[in-house]
All heavy atoms as atom14 arrays in JSON, in Angstrom:
{
  "sequence": "DNNYVIDPKGRISTQIVGGRIITVRDPRLARMRFDIVGNRCEVDPSHQ",
  "atom14_mask": [
    [1, 1, 1, 1, 1, 1, 1, 1, 0, 0, 0, 0, 0, 0],
    [1, 1, 1, 1, 1, 1, 1, 1, 0, 0, 0, 0, 0, 0],
    [1, 1, 1, 1, 1, 1, 1, 1, 0, 0, 0, 0, 0, 0],
    [1, 1, 1, 1, 1, 1, 1, 1, 1, 1, 1, 1, 0, 0],
    [1, 1, 1, 1, 1, 1, 1, 0, 0, 0, 0, 0, 0, 0],
    [1, 1, 1, 1, 1, 1, 1, 1, 0, 0, 0, 0, 0, 0],
    [1, 1, 1, 1, 1, 1, 1, 1, 0, 0, 0, 0, 0, 0],
    [1, 1, 1, 1, 1, 1, 1, 0, 0, 0, 0, 0, 0, 0],
    [1, 1, 1, 1, 1, 1, 1, 1, 1, 0, 0, 0, 0, 0],
    [1, 1, 1, 1, 0, 0, 0, 0, 0, 0, 0, 0, 0, 0],
    [1, 1, 1, 1, 1, 1, 1, 1, 1, 1, 1, 0, 0, 0],
    [1, 1, 1, 1, 1, 1, 1, 1, 0, 0, 0, 0, 0, 0],
    [1, 1, 1, 1, 1, 1, 0, 0, 0, 0, 0, 0, 0, 0],
    [1, 1, 1, 1, 1, 1, 1, 0, 0, 0, 0, 0, 0, 0],
    [1, 1, 1, 1, 1, 1, 1, 1, 1, 0, 0, 0, 0, 0],
    [1, 1, 1, 1, 1, 1, 1, 1, 0, 0, 0, 0, 0, 0],
    [1, 1, 1, 1, 1, 1, 1, 0, 0, 0, 0, 0, 0, 0],
    [1, 1, 1, 1, 0, 0, 0, 0, 0, 0, 0, 0, 0, 0],
    [1, 1, 1, 1, 0, 0, 0, 0, 0, 0, 0, 0, 0, 0],
    [1, 1, 1, 1, 1, 1, 1, 1, 1, 1, 1, 0, 0, 0],
    [1, 1, 1, 1, 1, 1, 1, 1, 0, 0, 0, 0, 0, 0],
    [1, 1, 1, 1, 1, 1, 1, 1, 0, 0, 0, 0, 0, 0],
    [1, 1, 1, 1, 1, 1, 1, 0, 0, 0, 0, 0, 0, 0],
    [1, 1, 1, 1, 1, 1, 1, 0, 0, 0, 0, 0, 0, 0],
    [1, 1, 1, 1, 1, 1, 1, 1, 1, 1, 1, 0, 0, 0],
    [1, 1, 1, 1, 1, 1, 1, 1, 0, 0, 0, 0, 0, 0],
    [1, 1, 1, 1, 1, 1, 1, 0, 0, 0, 0, 0, 0, 0],
    [1, 1, 1, 1, 1, 1, 1, 1, 1, 1, 1, 0, 0, 0],
    [1, 1, 1, 1, 1, 1, 1, 1, 0, 0, 0, 0, 0, 0],
    [1, 1, 1, 1, 1, 0, 0, 0, 0, 0, 0, 0, 0, 0],
    [1, 1, 1, 1, 1, 1, 1, 1, 1, 1, 1, 0, 0, 0],
    [1, 1, 1, 1, 1, 1, 1, 1, 0, 0, 0, 0, 0, 0],
    [1, 1, 1, 1, 1, 1, 1, 1, 1, 1, 1, 0, 0, 0],
    [1, 1, 1, 1, 1, 1, 1, 1, 1, 1, 1, 0, 0, 0],
    [1, 1, 1, 1, 1, 1, 1, 1, 0, 0, 0, 0, 0, 0],
    [1, 1, 1, 1, 1, 1, 1, 1, 0, 0, 0, 0, 0, 0],
    [1, 1, 1, 1, 1, 1, 1, 0, 0, 0, 0, 0, 0, 0],
    [1, 1, 1, 1, 0, 0, 0, 0, 0, 0, 0, 0, 0, 0],
    [1, 1, 1, 1, 1, 1, 1, 1, 0, 0, 0, 0, 0, 0],
    [1, 1, 1, 1, 1, 1, 1, 1, 1, 1, 1, 0, 0, 0],
    [1, 1, 1, 1, 1, 1, 0, 0, 0, 0, 0, 0, 0, 0],
    [1, 1, 1, 1, 1, 1, 1, 1, 1, 0, 0, 0, 0, 0],
    [1, 1, 1, 1, 1, 1, 1, 0, 0, 0, 0, 0, 0, 0],
    [1, 1, 1, 1, 1, 1, 1, 1, 0, 0, 0, 0, 0, 0],
    [1, 1, 1, 1, 1, 1, 1, 0, 0, 0, 0, 0, 0, 0],
    [1, 1, 1, 1, 1, 1, 0, 0, 0, 0, 0, 0, 0, 0],
    [1, 1, 1, 1, 1, 1, 1, 1, 1, 1, 0, 0, 0, 0],
    [1, 1, 1, 1, 1, 1, 1, 1, 1, 0, 0, 0, 0, 0]
  ],
  "atom14_positions": [
    [[-119.22, -43.86, 3.16], [-119.55, -45.0, 2.32], [-119.5, -46.29, 3.14], [-118.52, -46.56, 3.84], [-118.55, -45.09, 1.16], [-118.84, -46.25, 0.22], [-119.93, -46.84, 0.32], [-117.96, -46.55, -0.6], [0.0, 0.0, 0.0], [0.0, 0.0, 0.0], [0.0, 0.0, 0.0], [0.0, 0.0, 0.0], [0.0, 0.0, 0.0], [0.0, 0.0, 0.0]],
    [[-120.56, -47.08, 3.08], [-120.62, -48.34, 3.84], [-119.87, -49.49, 3.17], [-119.73, -50.55, 3.76], [-122.08, -48.75, 4.08], [-122.74, -47.87, 5.13], [-122.1, -47.45, 6.08], [-124.02, -47.59, 4.94], [0.0, 0.0, 0.0], [0.0, 0.0, 0.0], [0.0, 0.0, 0.0], [0.0, 0.0, 0.0], [0.0, 0.0, 0.0], [0.0, 0.0, 0.0]],
    [[-119.44, -49.3, 1.94], [-118.75, -50.37, 1.23], [-117.26, -50.33, 1.54], [-116.42, -50.02, 0.71], [-118.97, -50.21, -0.28], [-120.43, -50.4, -0.66], [-121.1, -51.28, -0.14], [-120.92, -49.54, -1.55], [0.0, 0.0, 0.0], [0.0, 0.0, 0.0], [0.0, 0.0, 0.0], [0.0, 0.0, 0.0], [0.0, 0.0, 0.0], [0.0, 0.0, 0.0]],
    [[-116.94, -50.61, 2.8], [-115.55, -50.6, 3.23], [-115.08, -52.02, 3.48], [-115.88, -52.92, 3.78], [-115.37, -49.75, 4.48], [-116.3, -50.11, 5.62], [-115.97, -51.12, 6.53], [-117.52, -49.45, 5.79], [-116.83, -51.46, 7.56], [-118.38, -49.78, 6.82], [-118.03, -50.78, 7.7], [-118.88, -51.12, 8.72], [0.0, 0.0, 0.0], [0.0, 0.0, 0.0]],
    [[-113.79, -52.23, 3.34], [-113.2, -53.54, 3.6], [-112.2, -53.38, 4.73], [-111.29, -52.54, 4.67], [-112.48, -54.09, 2.34], [-111.82, -55.43, 2.67], [-113.45, -54.22, 1.19], [0.0, 0.0, 0.0], [0.0, 0.0, 0.0], [0.0, 0.0, 0.0], [0.0, 0.0, 0.0], [0.0, 0.0, 0.0], [0.0, 0.0, 0.0], [0.0, 0.0, 0.0]],
    [[-112.37, -54.16, 5.78], [-111.49, -54.08, 6.93], [-111.41, -55.45, 7.59], [-112.39, -56.2, 7.63], [-112.0, -53.0, 7.93], [-111.01, -52.83, 9.08], [-113.39, -53.32, 8.44], [-111.32, -51.66, 9.97], [0.0, 0.0, 0.0], [0.0, 0.0, 0.0], [0.0, 0.0, 0.0], [0.0, 0.0, 0.0], [0.0, 0.0, 0.0], [0.0, 0.0, 0.0]],
    [[-110.24, -55.77, 8.08], [-110.03, -57.06, 8.76], [-110.65, -56.99, 10.15], [-110.28, -56.14, 10.97], [-108.53, -57.33, 8.87], [-108.22, -58.71, 9.44], [-109.15, -59.39, 9.92], [-107.04, -59.09, 9.42], [0.0, 0.0, 0.0], [0.0, 0.0, 0.0], [0.0, 0.0, 0.0], [0.0, 0.0, 0.0], [0.0, 0.0, 0.0], [0.0, 0.0, 0.0]],
    [[-111.62, -57.86, 10.45], [-112.27, -57.83, 11.78], [-111.31, -58.14, 12.93], [-111.62, -57.85, 14.08], [-113.37, -58.88, 11.68], [-112.97, -59.76, 10.54], [-112.22, -58.89, 9.58], [0.0, 0.0, 0.0], [0.0, 0.0, 0.0], [0.0, 0.0, 0.0], [0.0, 0.0, 0.0], [0.0, 0.0, 0.0], [0.0, 0.0, 0.0], [0.0, 0.0, 0.0]],
    [[-110.14, -58.71, 12.6], [-109.16, -58.98, 13.65], [-108.42, -57.72, 14.07], [-107.74, -57.72, 15.1], [-108.14, -60.03, 13.17], [-108.76, -61.4, 12.94], [-107.7, -62.39, 12.47], [-108.31, -63.77, 12.22], [-107.29, -64.73, 11.72], [0.0, 0.0, 0.0], [0.0, 0.0, 0.0], [0.0, 0.0, 0.0], [0.0, 0.0, 0.0], [0.0, 0.0, 0.0]],
    [[-108.58, -56.65, 13.28], [-107.98, -55.37, 13.62], [-106.47, -55.36, 13.44], [-105.86, -56.31, 12.94], [0.0, 0.0, 0.0], [0.0, 0.0, 0.0], [0.0, 0.0, 0.0], [0.0, 0.0, 0.0], [0.0, 0.0, 0.0], [0.0, 0.0, 0.0], [0.0, 0.0, 0.0], [0.0, 0.0, 0.0], [0.0, 0.0, 0.0], [0.0, 0.0, 0.0]],
    [[-105.87, -54.26, 13.86], [-104.42, -54.13, 13.82], [-103.99, -53.16, 14.91], [-104.78, -52.34, 15.38], [-103.93, -53.63, 12.46], [-104.36, -52.23, 12.1], [-104.0, -51.89, 10.66], [-104.35, -50.52, 10.31], [-103.52, -49.49, 10.4], [-102.27, -49.69, 10.83], [-103.9, -48.28, 10.07], [0.0, 0.0, 0.0], [0.0, 0.0, 0.0], [0.0, 0.0, 0.0]],
    [[-102.74, -53.27, 15.32], [-102.21, -52.38, 16.35], [-101.58, -51.16, 15.69], [-100.69, -51.28, 14.86], [-101.17, -53.1, 17.24], [-101.8, -54.3, 17.95], [-100.58, -52.14, 18.26], [-100.81, -55.14, 18.74], [0.0, 0.0, 0.0], [0.0, 0.0, 0.0], [0.0, 0.0, 0.0], [0.0, 0.0, 0.0], [0.0, 0.0, 0.0], [0.0, 0.0, 0.0]],
    [[-102.1, -50.01, 16.04], [-101.58, -48.75, 15.53], [-101.51, -47.76, 16.69], [-102.43, -47.7, 17.51], [-102.48, -48.21, 14.42], [-102.01, -46.95, 13.96], [0.0, 0.0, 0.0], [0.0, 0.0, 0.0], [0.0, 0.0, 0.0], [0.0, 0.0, 0.0], [0.0, 0.0, 0.0], [0.0, 0.0, 0.0], [0.0, 0.0, 0.0], [0.0, 0.0, 0.0]],
    [[-100.42, -47.02, 16.78], [-100.26, -46.07, 17.89], [-99.96, -44.67, 17.37], [-99.53, -44.5, 16.23], [-99.12, -46.51, 18.84], [-97.89, -46.56, 18.11], [-99.42, -47.86, 19.45], [0.0, 0.0, 0.0], [0.0, 0.0, 0.0], [0.0, 0.0, 0.0], [0.0, 0.0, 0.0], [0.0, 0.0, 0.0], [0.0, 0.0, 0.0], [0.0, 0.0, 0.0]],
    [[-100.2, -43.7, 18.22], [-99.8, -42.33, 17.94], [-99.51, -41.63, 19.25], [-99.89, -42.09, 20.33], [-100.89, -41.59, 17.16], [-102.18, -41.36, 17.92], [-103.23, -40.66, 17.08], [-103.33, -40.87, 15.87], [-104.02, -39.81, 17.71], [0.0, 0.0, 0.0], [0.0, 0.0, 0.0], [0.0, 0.0, 0.0], [0.0, 0.0, 0.0], [0.0, 0.0, 0.0]],
    [[-98.8, -40.52, 19.16], [-98.45, -39.76, 20.36], [-99.44, -38.62, 20.54], [-99.64, -37.8, 19.62], [-97.02, -39.22, 20.26], [-96.02, -40.38, 20.17], [-96.69, -38.34, 21.48], [-94.58, -39.95, 19.99], [0.0, 0.0, 0.0], [0.0, 0.0, 0.0], [0.0, 0.0, 0.0], [0.0, 0.0, 0.0], [0.0, 0.0, 0.0], [0.0, 0.0, 0.0]],
    [[-100.1, -38.57, 21.69], [-101.05, -37.51, 22.02], [-100.67, -36.94, 23.38], [-100.64, -37.67, 24.37], [-102.5, -38.05, 22.06], [-103.45, -36.96, 22.51], [-102.92, -38.59, 20.7], [0.0, 0.0, 0.0], [0.0, 0.0, 0.0], [0.0, 0.0, 0.0], [0.0, 0.0, 0.0], [0.0, 0.0, 0.0], [0.0, 0.0, 0.0], [0.0, 0.0, 0.0]],
    [[-100.36, -35.65, 23.41], [-100.0, -35.02, 24.67], [-98.79, -35.66, 25.33], [-98.73, -35.73, 26.56], [0.0, 0.0, 0.0], [0.0, 0.0, 0.0], [0.0, 0.0, 0.0], [0.0, 0.0, 0.0], [0.0, 0.0, 0.0], [0.0, 0.0, 0.0], [0.0, 0.0, 0.0], [0.0, 0.0, 0.0], [0.0, 0.0, 0.0], [0.0, 0.0, 0.0]],
    [[-97.85, -36.13, 24.52], [-96.64, -36.75, 25.05], [-96.81, -38.2, 25.46], [-95.86, -38.82, 25.92], [0.0, 0.0, 0.0], [0.0, 0.0, 0.0], [0.0, 0.0, 0.0], [0.0, 0.0, 0.0], [0.0, 0.0, 0.0], [0.0, 0.0, 0.0], [0.0, 0.0, 0.0], [0.0, 0.0, 0.0], [0.0, 0.0, 0.0], [0.0, 0.0, 0.0]],
    [[-98.02, -38.75, 25.28], [-98.28, -40.15, 25.64], [-98.49, -40.98, 24.38], [-99.03, -40.5, 23.39], [-99.53, -40.28, 26.51], [-99.41, -39.63, 27.88], [-100.68, -39.88, 28.68], [-101.85, -39.32, 28.03], [-103.0, -39.96, 27.88], [-103.15, -41.19, 28.31], [-104.02, -39.36, 27.3], [0.0, 0.0, 0.0], [0.0, 0.0, 0.0], [0.0, 0.0, 0.0]],
    [[-98.06, -42.22, 24.42], [-98.33, -43.14, 23.32], [-99.69, -43.79, 23.57], [-99.9, -44.41, 24.62], [-97.24, -44.22, 23.22], [-95.88, -43.58, 22.93], [-97.59, -45.23, 22.13], [-94.73, -44.56, 22.93], [0.0, 0.0, 0.0], [0.0, 0.0, 0.0], [0.0, 0.0, 0.0], [0.0, 0.0, 0.0], [0.0, 0.0, 0.0], [0.0, 0.0, 0.0]],
    [[-100.62, -43.63, 22.65], [-101.95, -44.24, 22.8], [-102.21, -45.18, 21.63], [-101.63, -45.03, 20.54], [-103.07, -43.18, 22.87], [-103.18, -42.41, 21.56], [-102.84, -42.22, 24.04], [-104.44, -41.6, 21.44], [0.0, 0.0, 0.0], [0.0, 0.0, 0.0], [0.0, 0.0, 0.0], [0.0, 0.0, 0.0], [0.0, 0.0, 0.0], [0.0, 0.0, 0.0]],
    [[-103.09, -46.14, 21.85], [-103.49, -47.06, 20.8], [-104.65, -46.46, 20.02], [-105.65, -46.04, 20.59], [-103.91, -48.42, 21.4], [-102.82, -48.96, 22.14], [-104.3, -49.4, 20.3], [0.0, 0.0, 0.0], [0.0, 0.0, 0.0], [0.0, 0.0, 0.0], [0.0, 0.0, 0.0], [0.0, 0.0, 0.0], [0.0, 0.0, 0.0], [0.0, 0.0, 0.0]],
    [[-104.5, -46.43, 18.7], [-105.53, -45.85, 17.83], [-106.67, -46.85, 17.66], [-106.44, -48.05, 17.46], [-104.93, -45.49, 16.45], [-106.02, -44.96, 15.52], [-103.82, -44.47, 16.61], [0.0, 0.0, 0.0], [0.0, 0.0, 0.0], [0.0, 0.0, 0.0], [0.0, 0.0, 0.0], [0.0, 0.0, 0.0], [0.0, 0.0, 0.0], [0.0, 0.0, 0.0]],
    [[-107.9, -46.35, 17.74], [-109.09, -47.17, 17.57], [-109.74, -46.87, 16.21], [-109.94, -45.71, 15.87], [-110.09, -46.9, 18.7], [-109.6, -47.4, 20.04], [-110.45, -46.89, 21.2], [-109.85, -45.71, 21.8], [-110.1, -45.3, 23.04], [-110.92, -45.97, 23.81], [-109.52, -44.23, 23.52], [0.0, 0.0, 0.0], [0.0, 0.0, 0.0], [0.0, 0.0, 0.0]],
    [[-110.03, -47.91, 15.45], [-110.59, -47.74, 14.12], [-112.12, -47.68, 14.22], [-112.76, -48.67, 14.58], [-110.17, -48.91, 13.22], [-110.48, -48.67, 11.76], [-111.47, -47.97, 11.47], [-109.76, -49.19, 10.9], [0.0, 0.0, 0.0], [0.0, 0.0, 0.0], [0.0, 0.0, 0.0], [0.0, 0.0, 0.0], [0.0, 0.0, 0.0], [0.0, 0.0, 0.0]],
    [[-112.73, -46.55, 13.89], [-114.19, -46.44, 14.03], [-114.97, -47.38, 13.12], [-116.12, -47.71, 13.39], [-114.47, -44.97, 13.68], [-113.29, -44.53, 12.87], [-112.12, -45.29, 13.41], [0.0, 0.0, 0.0], [0.0, 0.0, 0.0], [0.0, 0.0, 0.0], [0.0, 0.0, 0.0], [0.0, 0.0, 0.0], [0.0, 0.0, 0.0], [0.0, 0.0, 0.0]],
    [[-114.33, -47.84, 12.04], [-115.03, -48.75, 11.13], [-115.35, -50.09, 11.78], [-116.37, -50.71, 11.47], [-114.19, -48.94, 9.86], [-113.98, -47.67, 9.05], [-113.03, -47.9, 7.9], [-111.71, -48.3, 8.39], [-110.72, -48.7, 7.59], [-110.9, -48.77, 6.27], [-109.54, -49.05, 8.1], [0.0, 0.0, 0.0], [0.0, 0.0, 0.0], [0.0, 0.0, 0.0]],
    [[-114.48, -50.54, 12.7], [-114.76, -51.78, 13.42], [-115.99, -51.61, 14.32], [-116.81, -52.52, 14.44], [-113.55, -52.2, 14.25], [-112.38, -52.8, 13.47], [-111.13, -52.84, 14.33], [-112.74, -54.2, 12.99], [0.0, 0.0, 0.0], [0.0, 0.0, 0.0], [0.0, 0.0, 0.0], [0.0, 0.0, 0.0], [0.0, 0.0, 0.0], [0.0, 0.0, 0.0]],
    [[-116.1, -50.44, 14.95], [-117.28, -50.17, 15.76], [-118.53, -50.13, 14.9], [-119.6, -50.63, 15.3], [-117.11, -48.85, 16.51], [0.0, 0.0, 0.0], [0.0, 0.0, 0.0], [0.0, 0.0, 0.0], [0.0, 0.0, 0.0], [0.0, 0.0, 0.0], [0.0, 0.0, 0.0], [0.0, 0.0, 0.0], [0.0, 0.0, 0.0], [0.0, 0.0, 0.0]],
    [[-118.43, -49.57, 13.71], [-119.57, -49.55, 12.78], [-120.01, -50.97, 12.45], [-121.21, -51.27, 12.39], [-119.19, -48.82, 11.49], [-119.12, -47.32, 11.61], [-118.56, -46.7, 10.35], [-119.36, -47.0, 9.17], [-118.98, -46.7, 7.93], [-117.8, -46.1, 7.72], [-119.75, -46.97, 6.91], [0.0, 0.0, 0.0], [0.0, 0.0, 0.0], [0.0, 0.0, 0.0]],
    [[-119.02, -51.85, 12.22], [-119.35, -53.25, 11.93], [-120.12, -53.87, 13.09], [-121.11, -54.57, 12.9], [-118.08, -54.05, 11.66], [-117.39, -53.71, 10.35], [-115.82, -54.61, 10.14], [-116.41, -56.29, 9.92], [0.0, 0.0, 0.0], [0.0, 0.0, 0.0], [0.0, 0.0, 0.0], [0.0, 0.0, 0.0], [0.0, 0.0, 0.0], [0.0, 0.0, 0.0]],
    [[-119.67, -53.59, 14.32], [-120.35, -54.14, 15.49], [-121.76, -53.58, 15.61], [-122.71, -54.32, 15.87], [-119.53, -53.8, 16.75], [-120.2, -54.13, 18.07], [-120.6, -55.59, 18.19], [-119.48, -56.49, 18.03], [-119.63, -57.81, 17.84], [-120.85, -58.34, 17.76], [-118.57, -58.58, 17.71], [0.0, 0.0, 0.0], [0.0, 0.0, 0.0], [0.0, 0.0, 0.0]],
    [[-121.92, -52.27, 15.38], [-123.25, -51.65, 15.46], [-124.18, -52.27, 14.42], [-125.36, -52.51, 14.69], [-123.16, -50.14, 15.22], [-122.49, -49.38, 16.33], [-122.32, -48.0, 16.22], [-122.01, -50.0, 17.47], [-121.72, -47.28, 17.23], [-121.4, -49.29, 18.49], [-121.25, -47.92, 18.36], [0.0, 0.0, 0.0], [0.0, 0.0, 0.0], [0.0, 0.0, 0.0]],
    [[-123.65, -52.51, 13.21], [-124.47, -53.12, 12.15], [-124.93, -54.52, 12.54], [-126.08, -54.91, 12.3], [-123.68, -53.19, 10.83], [-123.47, -51.83, 10.18], [-124.17, -50.88, 10.57], [-122.6, -51.72, 9.3], [0.0, 0.0, 0.0], [0.0, 0.0, 0.0], [0.0, 0.0, 0.0], [0.0, 0.0, 0.0], [0.0, 0.0, 0.0], [0.0, 0.0, 0.0]],
    [[-124.03, -55.29, 13.15], [-124.34, -56.67, 13.53], [-125.48, -56.71, 14.55], [-126.37, -57.57, 14.47], [-123.08, -57.37, 14.1], [-122.07, -57.62, 12.98], [-123.45, -58.68, 14.8], [-120.7, -58.06, 13.48], [0.0, 0.0, 0.0], [0.0, 0.0, 0.0], [0.0, 0.0, 0.0], [0.0, 0.0, 0.0], [0.0, 0.0, 0.0], [0.0, 0.0, 0.0]],
    [[-125.46, -55.78, 15.52], [-126.46, -55.81, 16.6], [-127.61, -54.85, 16.34], [-128.5, -54.69, 17.2], [-125.8, -55.5, 17.96], [-124.72, -56.53, 18.28], [-125.24, -54.09, 18.01], [0.0, 0.0, 0.0], [0.0, 0.0, 0.0], [0.0, 0.0, 0.0], [0.0, 0.0, 0.0], [0.0, 0.0, 0.0], [0.0, 0.0, 0.0], [0.0, 0.0, 0.0]],
    [[-127.63, -54.22, 15.18], [-128.74, -53.34, 14.84], [-128.82, -52.1, 15.71], [-129.92, -51.64, 16.04], [0.0, 0.0, 0.0], [0.0, 0.0, 0.0], [0.0, 0.0, 0.0], [0.0, 0.0, 0.0], [0.0, 0.0, 0.0], [0.0, 0.0, 0.0], [0.0, 0.0, 0.0], [0.0, 0.0, 0.0], [0.0, 0.0, 0.0], [0.0, 0.0, 0.0]],
    [[-127.65, -51.55, 16.08], [-127.6, -50.35, 16.92], [-128.41, -50.52, 18.21], [-129.14, -49.62, 18.63], [-128.1, -49.12, 16.15], [-127.08, -48.66, 15.12], [-127.02, -49.21, 14.01], [-126.29, -47.67, 15.46], [0.0, 0.0, 0.0], [0.0, 0.0, 0.0], [0.0, 0.0, 0.0], [0.0, 0.0, 0.0], [0.0, 0.0, 0.0], [0.0, 0.0, 0.0]],
    [[-128.25, -51.68, 18.84], [-128.91, -51.94, 20.11], [-127.88, -52.35, 21.16], [-126.8, -52.83, 20.84], [-129.96, -53.05, 19.95], [-131.16, -52.65, 19.1], [-132.14, -53.78, 18.94], [-131.57, -54.89, 18.18], [-132.2, -56.02, 17.91], [-133.44, -56.22, 18.38], [-131.63, -56.96, 17.21], [0.0, 0.0, 0.0], [0.0, 0.0, 0.0], [0.0, 0.0, 0.0]],
    [[-128.25, -52.16, 22.4], [-127.37, -52.49, 23.51], [-127.21, -54.0, 23.61], [-128.2, -54.74, 23.65], [-127.93, -51.93, 24.81], [-126.95, -52.31, 26.28], [0.0, 0.0, 0.0], [0.0, 0.0, 0.0], [0.0, 0.0, 0.0], [0.0, 0.0, 0.0], [0.0, 0.0, 0.0], [0.0, 0.0, 0.0], [0.0, 0.0, 0.0], [0.0, 0.0, 0.0]],
    [[-125.97, -54.46, 23.7], [-125.73, -55.91, 23.76], [-126.02, -56.5, 25.13], [-126.21, -57.71, 25.25], [-124.3, -56.23, 23.33], [-124.05, -55.98, 21.85], [-122.74, -56.57, 21.39], [-122.6, -57.82, 21.41], [-121.85, -55.79, 21.01], [0.0, 0.0, 0.0], [0.0, 0.0, 0.0], [0.0, 0.0, 0.0], [0.0, 0.0, 0.0], [0.0, 0.0, 0.0]],
    [[-126.06, -55.68, 26.15], [-126.46, -56.2, 27.46], [-127.92, -56.58, 27.44], [-128.31, -57.66, 27.91], [-126.19, -55.15, 28.57], [-126.84, -55.56, 29.89], [-124.69, -54.96, 28.77], [0.0, 0.0, 0.0], [0.0, 0.0, 0.0], [0.0, 0.0, 0.0], [0.0, 0.0, 0.0], [0.0, 0.0, 0.0], [0.0, 0.0, 0.0], [0.0, 0.0, 0.0]],
    [[-128.75, -55.72, 26.84], [-130.18, -55.99, 26.71], [-130.71, -55.15, 25.55], [-130.77, -53.92, 25.67], [-130.9, -55.62, 28.01], [-132.38, -55.99, 27.97], [-132.92, -56.2, 26.87], [-133.0, -56.04, 29.05], [0.0, 0.0, 0.0], [0.0, 0.0, 0.0], [0.0, 0.0, 0.0], [0.0, 0.0, 0.0], [0.0, 0.0, 0.0], [0.0, 0.0, 0.0]],
    [[-131.05, -55.78, 24.42], [-131.51, -55.03, 23.25], [-132.75, -54.18, 23.5], [-133.04, -53.28, 22.73], [-131.8, -56.13, 22.22], [-130.97, -57.3, 22.65], [-130.94, -57.23, 24.15], [0.0, 0.0, 0.0], [0.0, 0.0, 0.0], [0.0, 0.0, 0.0], [0.0, 0.0, 0.0], [0.0, 0.0, 0.0], [0.0, 0.0, 0.0], [0.0, 0.0, 0.0]],
    [[-133.46, -54.45, 24.59], [-134.66, -53.67, 24.87], [-134.35, -52.36, 25.6], [-135.25, -51.54, 25.8], [-135.65, -54.49, 25.71], [-135.16, -54.66, 27.04], [0.0, 0.0, 0.0], [0.0, 0.0, 0.0], [0.0, 0.0, 0.0], [0.0, 0.0, 0.0], [0.0, 0.0, 0.0], [0.0, 0.0, 0.0], [0.0, 0.0, 0.0], [0.0, 0.0, 0.0]],
    [[-133.09, -52.15, 25.98], [-132.74, -50.9, 26.65], [-133.05, -49.72, 25.74], [-132.63, -49.67, 24.59], [-131.25, -50.89, 27.02], [-130.94, -51.71, 28.23], [-129.66, -51.9, 28.69], [-131.76, -52.41, 29.07], [-129.69, -52.66, 29.78], [-130.95, -53.0, 30.01], [0.0, 0.0, 0.0], [0.0, 0.0, 0.0], [0.0, 0.0, 0.0], [0.0, 0.0, 0.0]],
    [[-133.79, -48.77, 26.3], [-134.19, -47.61, 25.52], [-133.06, -46.59, 25.44], [-132.39, -46.3, 26.43], [-135.42, -46.96, 26.16], [-136.67, -47.81, 26.1], [-137.13, -48.08, 24.67], [-137.27, -47.16, 23.88], [-137.34, -49.35, 24.36], [0.0, 0.0, 0.0], [0.0, 0.0, 0.0], [0.0, 0.0, 0.0], [0.0, 0.0, 0.0], [0.0, 0.0, 0.0]]
  ]
}
């Protein structure tokens, strides 16, 4: 569902993977970024 609410400033969340503490990445923030740029490369939107 695209009708999600999330703070664009994000939050710090961690979990233990393979004995290491890693920072969790929220895929919804990436979706927001993809929507903003129309699923195009930000270095050059013409990149195929």
